[in-house]
C-alpha atoms as a PDB file:
ATOM      1  CA  MET A   1      -1.638  16.168  57.027  1.00  0.00           C
ATOM      2  CA  THR A   2       1.144  18.122  58.600  1.00  0.00           C
ATOM      3  CA  ALA A   3       1.521  21.841  58.677  1.00  0.00           C
ATOM      4  CA  ASP A   4       5.232  21.554  57.986  1.00  0.00           C
ATOM      5  CA  LYS A   5       6.512  23.209  54.877  1.00  0.00           C
ATOM      6  CA  PRO A   6       8.896  21.166  52.677  1.00  0.00           C
ATOM      7  CA  ALA A   7      12.444  22.326  52.256  1.00  0.00           C
ATOM      8  CA  GLY A   8      13.336  23.893  48.916  1.00  0.00           C
ATOM      9  CA  LYS A   9      16.709  23.865  47.143  1.00  0.00           C
ATOM     10  CA  THR A  10      18.228  26.103  49.795  1.00  0.00           C
ATOM     11  CA  GLY A  11      16.958  23.987  52.666  1.00  0.00           C
ATOM     12  CA  GLN A  12      14.293  26.573  53.501  1.00  0.00           C
ATOM     13  CA  PRO A  13      10.593  25.642  53.566  1.00  0.00           C
ATOM     14  CA  ALA A  14       8.661  26.412  50.360  1.00  0.00           C
ATOM     15  CA  LYS A  15       6.397  29.435  50.699  1.00  0.00           C
ATOM     16  CA  GLY A  16       2.630  28.983  50.545  1.00  0.00           C
ATOM     17  CA  ARG A  17       2.578  25.158  50.590  1.00  0.00           C
ATOM     18  CA  ARG A  18       2.019  22.370  53.075  1.00  0.00           C
ATOM     19  CA  THR A  19       3.041  18.745  52.719  1.00  0.00           C
ATOM     20  CA  ALA A  20       0.356  16.054  52.826  1.00  0.00           C
ATOM     21  CA  ALA A  21       0.890  12.593  54.303  1.00  0.00           C
ATOM     22  CA  ALA A  22       1.464  11.215  50.763  1.00  0.00           C
ATOM     23  CA  GLY A  23       4.275  13.708  50.228  1.00  0.00           C
ATOM     24  CA  THR A  24       2.410  16.004  47.802  1.00  0.00           C
ATOM     25  CA  ASP A  25       2.336  19.793  48.101  1.00  0.00           C
ATOM     26  CA  ILE A  26      -0.982  21.323  49.085  1.00  0.00           C
ATOM     27  CA  PRO A  27      -1.403  25.019  48.299  1.00  0.00           C
ATOM     28  CA  ASP A  28      -2.278  27.359  51.211  1.00  0.00           C
ATOM     29  CA  ASP A  29      -4.286  29.681  48.963  1.00  0.00           C
ATOM     30  CA  PRO A  30      -7.935  28.513  48.628  1.00  0.00           C
ATOM     31  CA  GLN A  31      -8.043  29.606  44.983  1.00  0.00           C
ATOM     32  CA  GLU A  32      -4.891  27.581  44.169  1.00  0.00           C
ATOM     33  CA  LEU A  33      -6.383  24.660  46.085  1.00  0.00           C
ATOM     34  CA  ALA A  34      -9.603  24.848  44.056  1.00  0.00           C
ATOM     35  CA  GLU A  35      -7.607  24.955  40.799  1.00  0.00           C
ATOM     36  CA  ASP A  36      -5.511  21.989  41.952  1.00  0.00           C
ATOM     37  CA  ILE A  37      -8.679  20.032  42.774  1.00  0.00           C
ATOM     38  CA  LYS A  38     -10.167  20.919  39.383  1.00  0.00           C
ATOM     39  CA  GLN A  39      -7.047  19.666  37.537  1.00  0.00           C
ATOM     40  CA  THR A  40      -7.018  16.489  39.609  1.00  0.00           C
ATOM     41  CA  ARG A  41     -10.685  15.839  38.786  1.00  0.00           C
ATOM     42  CA  GLU A  42      -9.993  16.326  35.066  1.00  0.00           C
ATOM     43  CA  GLN A  43      -7.071  13.922  35.233  1.00  0.00           C
ATOM     44  CA  VAL A  44      -9.125  11.326  37.095  1.00  0.00           C
ATOM     45  CA  GLY A  45     -11.975  11.770  34.596  1.00  0.00           C
ATOM     46  CA  GLN A  46      -9.616  11.230  31.663  1.00  0.00           C
ATOM     47  CA  THR A  47      -8.123   8.183  33.344  1.00  0.00           C
ATOM     48  CA  VAL A  48     -11.574   6.677  34.022  1.00  0.00           C
ATOM     49  CA  GLU A  49     -12.635   7.365  30.425  1.00  0.00           C
ATOM     50  CA  ALA A  50      -9.485   5.734  29.055  1.00  0.00           C
ATOM     51  CA  LEU A  51      -9.978   2.690  31.277  1.00  0.00           C
ATOM     52  CA  SER A  52     -13.641   2.337  30.341  1.00  0.00           C
ATOM     53  CA  ASN A  53     -12.704   2.591  26.637  1.00  0.00           C
ATOM     54  CA  LYS A  54     -10.165  -0.182  27.108  1.00  0.00           C
ATOM     55  CA  LEU A  55     -12.839  -2.376  28.665  1.00  0.00           C
ATOM     56  CA  ASP A  56     -15.572  -1.552  26.100  1.00  0.00           C
ATOM     57  CA  PRO A  57     -15.642  -4.200  23.317  1.00  0.00           C
ATOM     58  CA  LYS A  58     -17.229  -1.777  20.822  1.00  0.00           C
ATOM     59  CA  VAL A  59     -14.447   0.763  21.276  1.00  0.00           C
ATOM     60  CA  GLN A  60     -11.834  -1.989  21.066  1.00  0.00           C
ATOM     61  CA  LEU A  61     -13.413  -3.258  17.835  1.00  0.00           C
ATOM     62  CA  GLN A  62     -13.398   0.232  16.330  1.00  0.00           C
ATOM     63  CA  GLU A  63      -9.751   0.737  17.286  1.00  0.00           C
ATOM     64  CA  THR A  64      -8.829  -2.654  15.838  1.00  0.00           C
ATOM     65  CA  LYS A  65     -10.643  -1.847  12.590  1.00  0.00           C
ATOM     66  CA  ALA A  66      -8.843   1.491  12.372  1.00  0.00           C
ATOM     67  CA  GLN A  67      -5.489  -0.212  12.898  1.00  0.00           C
ATOM     68  CA  LEU A  68      -6.340  -2.814  10.249  1.00  0.00           C
ATOM     69  CA  ARG A  69      -7.285  -0.080   7.774  1.00  0.00           C
ATOM     70  CA  LYS A  70      -3.971   1.694   8.383  1.00  0.00           C
ATOM     71  CA  THR A  71      -2.074  -1.562   7.956  1.00  0.00           C
ATOM     72  CA  ALA A  72      -3.980  -2.355   4.759  1.00  0.00           C
ATOM     73  CA  GLN A  73      -3.155   1.098   3.356  1.00  0.00           C
ATOM     74  CA  ARG A  74       0.546   0.646   4.195  1.00  0.00           C
ATOM     75  CA  MET A  75       0.596  -2.795   2.580  1.00  0.00           C
ATOM     76  CA  LYS A  76      -1.234  -1.475  -0.483  1.00  0.00           C
ATOM     77  CA  GLY A  77       1.413   1.209  -0.855  1.00  0.00           C
ATOM     78  CA  ARG A  78       4.210  -1.335  -0.508  1.00  0.00           C
ATOM     79  CA  VAL A  79       2.613  -3.675  -3.050  1.00  0.00           C
ATOM     80  CA  SER A  80       2.099  -0.798  -5.459  1.00  0.00           C
ATOM     81  CA  ALA A  81       5.726   0.268  -5.133  1.00  0.00           C
ATOM     82  CA  THR A  82       6.985  -3.292  -5.528  1.00  0.00           C
ATOM     83  CA  THR A  83       4.737  -3.851  -8.547  1.00  0.00           C
ATOM     84  CA  GLY A  84       6.139  -0.717 -10.167  1.00  0.00           C
ATOM     85  CA  GLU A  85       9.709  -1.855  -9.532  1.00  0.00           C
ATOM     86  CA  VAL A  86       9.068  -5.366 -10.858  1.00  0.00           C
ATOM     87  CA  SER A  87       7.229  -4.015 -13.893  1.00  0.00           C
ATOM     88  CA  SER A  88      10.139  -1.716 -14.673  1.00  0.00           C
ATOM     89  CA  LYS A  89      12.664  -4.535 -14.307  1.00  0.00           C
ATOM     90  CA  VAL A  90      10.602  -6.873 -16.506  1.00  0.00           C
ATOM     91  CA  THR A  91      10.255  -4.199 -19.181  1.00  0.00           C
ATOM     92  CA  ASP A  92      13.993  -3.544 -19.131  1.00  0.00           C
ATOM     93  CA  LYS A  93      14.775  -7.259 -19.291  1.00  0.00           C
ATOM     94  CA  ALA A  94      12.285  -7.785 -22.129  1.00  0.00           C
ATOM     95  CA  GLY A  95      13.938  -4.994 -24.121  1.00  0.00           C
ATOM     96  CA  THR A  96      17.360  -6.537 -23.560  1.00  0.00           C
ATOM     97  CA  MET A  97      16.107  -9.998 -24.520  1.00  0.00           C
ATOM     98  CA  GLY A  98      14.429  -8.563 -27.629  1.00  0.00           C
ATOM     99  CA  ARG A  99      17.663  -6.950 -28.744  1.00  0.00           C
ATOM    100  CA  GLN A 100      19.592 -10.168 -28.090  1.00  0.00           C
ATOM    101  CA  LEU A 101      16.988 -12.232 -29.959  1.00  0.00           C
ATOM    102  CA  HIS A 102      17.075  -9.836 -32.891  1.00  0.00           C
ATOM    103  CA  GLY A 103      20.864 -10.101 -32.993  1.00  0.00           C
ATOM    104  CA  THR A 104      20.739 -13.901 -32.794  1.00  0.00           C
ATOM    105  CA  ALA A 105      18.092 -14.077 -35.544  1.00  0.00           C
ATOM    106  CA  ALA A 106      20.204 -11.849 -37.756  1.00  0.00           C
ATOM    107  CA  LYS A 107      23.231 -14.101 -37.189  1.00  0.00           C
ATOM    108  CA  ALA A 108      21.148 -17.191 -37.940  1.00  0.00           C
ATOM    109  CA  ALA A 109      19.775 -15.640 -41.126  1.00  0.00           C
ATOM    110  CA  HIS A 110      23.275 -14.700 -42.231  1.00  0.00           C
ATOM    111  CA  GLY A 111      24.468 -18.223 -41.442  1.00  0.00           C
ATOM    112  CA  ALA A 112      21.531 -19.720 -43.359  1.00  0.00           C
ATOM    113  CA  ASP A 113      22.402 -17.607 -46.407  1.00  0.00           C
ATOM    114  CA  GLU A 114      25.898 -19.026 -46.288  1.00  0.00           C
ATOM    115  CA  GLN A 115      24.614 -22.584 -45.969  1.00  0.00           C
ATOM    116  CA  ARG A 116      21.857 -22.558 -48.630  1.00  0.00           C
ATOM    117  CA  VAL A 117      23.442 -25.215 -50.767  1.00  0.00           C
ATOM    118  CA  PRO A 118      23.953 -27.732 -47.946  1.00  0.00           C
ATOM    119  CA  VAL A 119      20.424 -27.087 -46.682  1.00  0.00           C
ATOM    120  CA  ALA A 120      19.013 -27.681 -50.174  1.00  0.00           C
ATOM    121  CA  VAL A 121      20.970 -30.943 -50.415  1.00  0.00           C
ATOM    122  CA  VAL A 122      19.691 -32.115 -47.018  1.00  0.00           C
ATOM    123  CA  ALA A 123      16.126 -31.201 -48.013  1.00  0.00           C
ATOM    124  CA  GLY A 124      16.439 -33.128 -51.283  1.00  0.00           C
ATOM    125  CA  VAL A 125      17.823 -36.216 -49.550  1.00  0.00           C
ATOM    126  CA  ALA A 126      15.034 -36.016 -46.958  1.00  0.00           C
ATOM    127  CA  ALA A 127      12.398 -35.810 -49.728  1.00  0.00           C
ATOM    128  CA  LEU A 128      13.968 -38.774 -51.548  1.00  0.00           C
ATOM    129  CA  LEU A 129      14.005 -40.883 -48.392  1.00  0.00           C
ATOM    130  CA  MET A 130      10.411 -39.953 -47.628  1.00  0.00           C
ATOM    131  CA  GLY A 131       9.322 -40.947 -51.116  1.00  0.00           C
ATOM    132  CA  ALA A 132      11.158 -44.264 -50.831  1.00  0.00           C
ATOM    133  CA  TRP A 133       9.527 -44.956 -47.497  1.00  0.00           C
ATOM    134  CA  ILE A 134       6.040 -44.197 -48.913  1.00  0.00           C
ATOM    135  CA  VAL A 135       6.636 -46.566 -51.860  1.00  0.00           C
ATOM    136  CA  TRP A 136       7.835 -49.282 -49.499  1.00  0.00           C
ATOM    137  CA  VAL A 137       4.746 -48.893 -47.237  1.00  0.00           C
ATOM    138  CA  VAL A 138       2.333 -48.985 -50.221  1.00  0.00           C
ATOM    139  CA  ARG A 139       3.919 -52.114 -51.723  1.00  0.00           C
ATOM    140  CA  ARG A 140       3.875 -53.890 -48.408  1.00  0.00           C
ATOM    141  CA  ARG A 141       0.117 -53.769 -48.176  1.00  0.00           C
END
Protein backbone atom coordinates (compact mmCIF):
# COMPACT_ATOMS: atom_id res chain seq x y z
CA MET A 1 0.00 0.00 0.00
CA THR A 2 1.08 3.52 -0.66
CA ALA A 3 0.34 6.54 1.42
CA ASP A 4 -0.30 8.61 -1.68
CA LYS A 5 -3.71 10.14 -2.03
CA PRO A 6 -5.42 9.79 -5.44
CA ALA A 7 -6.11 12.88 -7.46
CA GLY A 8 -9.72 14.05 -7.61
CA LYS A 9 -11.47 15.91 -10.43
CA THR A 10 -9.39 19.01 -9.80
CA GLY A 11 -6.11 17.11 -9.79
CA GLN A 12 -5.85 17.44 -6.00
CA PRO A 13 -5.55 14.36 -3.77
CA ALA A 14 -8.83 13.13 -2.25
CA LYS A 15 -9.15 13.96 1.43
CA GLY A 16 -9.17 11.15 3.99
CA ARG A 17 -8.29 8.29 1.61
CA ARG A 18 -5.25 6.29 0.61
CA THR A 19 -4.80 4.20 -2.52
CA ALA A 20 -4.09 0.49 -2.17
CA ALA A 21 -1.89 -1.48 -4.56
CA ALA A 22 -5.04 -2.74 -6.36
CA GLY A 23 -6.13 0.84 -6.99
CA THR A 24 -8.99 0.92 -4.45
CA ASP A 25 -9.53 3.73 -1.95
CA ILE A 26 -8.89 2.88 1.68
CA PRO A 27 -10.46 5.21 4.24
CA ASP A 28 -8.13 6.88 6.79
CA ASP A 29 -10.82 6.91 9.48
CA PRO A 30 -10.86 3.62 11.47
CA GLN A 31 -14.66 3.73 11.74
CA GLU A 32 -15.03 4.14 7.95
CA LEU A 33 -12.51 1.33 7.49
CA ALA A 34 -14.50 -0.97 9.78
CA GLU A 35 -17.72 -0.15 7.89
CA ASP A 36 -15.96 -0.79 4.57
CA ILE A 37 -14.70 -4.16 5.85
CA LYS A 38 -18.19 -5.05 7.08
CA GLN A 39 -19.74 -4.27 3.66
CA THR A 40 -17.02 -6.25 1.91
CA ARG A 41 -17.66 -9.25 4.17
CA GLU A 42 -21.40 -9.08 3.44
CA GLN A 43 -20.73 -8.94 -0.28
CA VAL A 44 -18.32 -11.88 -0.11
CA GLY A 45 -20.84 -13.83 1.99
CA GLN A 46 -23.60 -13.20 -0.55
CA THR A 47 -21.30 -14.20 -3.38
CA VAL A 48 -20.28 -17.44 -1.62
CA GLU A 49 -23.93 -18.24 -0.87
CA ALA A 50 -24.93 -17.64 -4.49
CA LEU A 51 -22.09 -19.83 -5.74
CA SER A 52 -22.90 -22.63 -3.31
CA ASN A 53 -26.58 -22.47 -4.37
CA LYS A 54 -25.53 -22.80 -7.99
CA LEU A 55 -23.50 -25.89 -7.14
CA ASP A 56 -26.17 -27.50 -4.89
CA PRO A 57 -28.30 -29.98 -6.90
CA LYS A 58 -31.25 -29.65 -4.49
CA VAL A 59 -31.39 -25.88 -4.94
CA GLN A 60 -31.01 -26.26 -8.70
CA LEU A 61 -33.87 -28.78 -8.75
CA GLN A 62 -36.11 -26.44 -6.75
CA GLU A 63 -35.31 -23.54 -9.07
CA THR A 64 -35.98 -25.70 -12.13
CA LYS A 65 -39.32 -26.84 -10.68
CA ALA A 66 -40.28 -23.24 -9.96
CA GLN A 67 -39.41 -22.23 -13.52
CA LEU A 68 -41.42 -25.17 -14.89
CA ARG A 69 -44.43 -24.18 -12.77
CA LYS A 70 -44.25 -20.61 -14.09
CA THR A 71 -43.96 -21.87 -17.65
CA ALA A 72 -46.89 -24.24 -17.15
CA GLN A 73 -49.03 -21.39 -15.78
CA ARG A 74 -48.14 -19.18 -18.76
CA MET A 75 -48.95 -21.97 -21.21
CA LYS A 76 -52.22 -22.71 -19.40
CA GLY A 77 -53.19 -19.06 -19.76
CA ARG A 78 -52.32 -19.08 -23.45
CA VAL A 79 -54.27 -22.28 -24.07
CA SER A 80 -57.25 -20.90 -22.19
CA ALA A 81 -57.19 -17.70 -24.22
CA THR A 82 -56.80 -19.59 -27.50
CA THR A 83 -59.61 -21.98 -26.55
CA GLY A 84 -61.89 -19.03 -25.86
CA GLU A 85 -61.04 -17.44 -29.21
CA VAL A 86 -61.56 -20.69 -31.13
CA SER A 87 -64.80 -21.40 -29.29
CA SER A 88 -66.09 -17.95 -30.15
CA LYS A 89 -65.13 -18.33 -33.81
CA VAL A 90 -66.75 -21.78 -34.03
CA THR A 91 -69.94 -20.49 -32.43
CA ASP A 92 -70.07 -17.57 -34.86
CA LYS A 93 -69.41 -19.84 -37.83
CA ALA A 94 -72.05 -22.34 -36.66
CA GLY A 95 -74.61 -19.54 -36.42
CA THR A 96 -73.75 -18.36 -39.92
CA MET A 97 -73.92 -21.91 -41.30
CA GLY A 98 -77.26 -22.47 -39.54
CA ARG A 99 -78.72 -19.36 -41.13
CA GLN A 100 -77.39 -20.38 -44.55
CA LEU A 101 -78.74 -23.93 -44.13
CA HIS A 102 -82.13 -22.60 -43.08
CA GLY A 103 -82.20 -20.35 -46.15
CA THR A 104 -81.17 -23.22 -48.43
CA ALA A 105 -83.79 -25.54 -46.91
CA ALA A 106 -86.45 -22.90 -47.41
CA LYS A 107 -85.43 -22.50 -51.06
CA ALA A 108 -85.46 -26.27 -51.54
CA ALA A 109 -88.90 -26.56 -49.95
CA HIS A 110 -90.21 -23.79 -52.17
CA GLY A 111 -88.68 -25.49 -55.20
CA ALA A 112 -90.20 -28.83 -54.18
CA ASP A 113 -93.64 -27.23 -53.92
CA GLU A 114 -93.24 -25.99 -57.46
CA GLN A 115 -92.13 -29.40 -58.70
CA ARG A 116 -94.72 -31.63 -56.95
CA VAL A 117 -96.23 -32.94 -60.14
CA PRO A 118 -92.93 -33.99 -61.73
CA VAL A 119 -91.81 -35.58 -58.47
CA ALA A 120 -95.07 -37.54 -58.25
CA VAL A 121 -94.61 -38.73 -61.84
CA VAL A 122 -91.03 -39.84 -61.14
CA ALA A 123 -92.17 -41.65 -57.99
CA GLY A 124 -94.94 -43.44 -59.90
CA VAL A 125 -92.58 -44.53 -62.67
CA ALA A 126 -90.07 -45.75 -60.07
CA ALA A 127 -92.80 -47.78 -58.31
CA LEU A 128 -93.94 -49.27 -61.64
CA LEU A 129 -90.39 -50.27 -62.57
CA MET A 130 -89.83 -51.78 -59.14
CA GLY A 131 -93.00 -53.82 -59.42
CA ALA A 132 -92.01 -55.04 -62.88
CA TRP A 133 -88.59 -56.04 -61.62
CA ILE A 134 -90.12 -57.98 -58.68
CA VAL A 135 -92.47 -59.86 -61.04
CA TRP A 136 -89.58 -60.69 -63.35
CA VAL A 137 -87.44 -62.01 -60.45
CA VAL A 138 -90.31 -64.16 -59.08
CA ARG A 139 -91.10 -65.71 -62.48
CA ARG A 140 -87.47 -66.48 -63.11
CA ARG A 141 -87.25 -68.79 -60.15
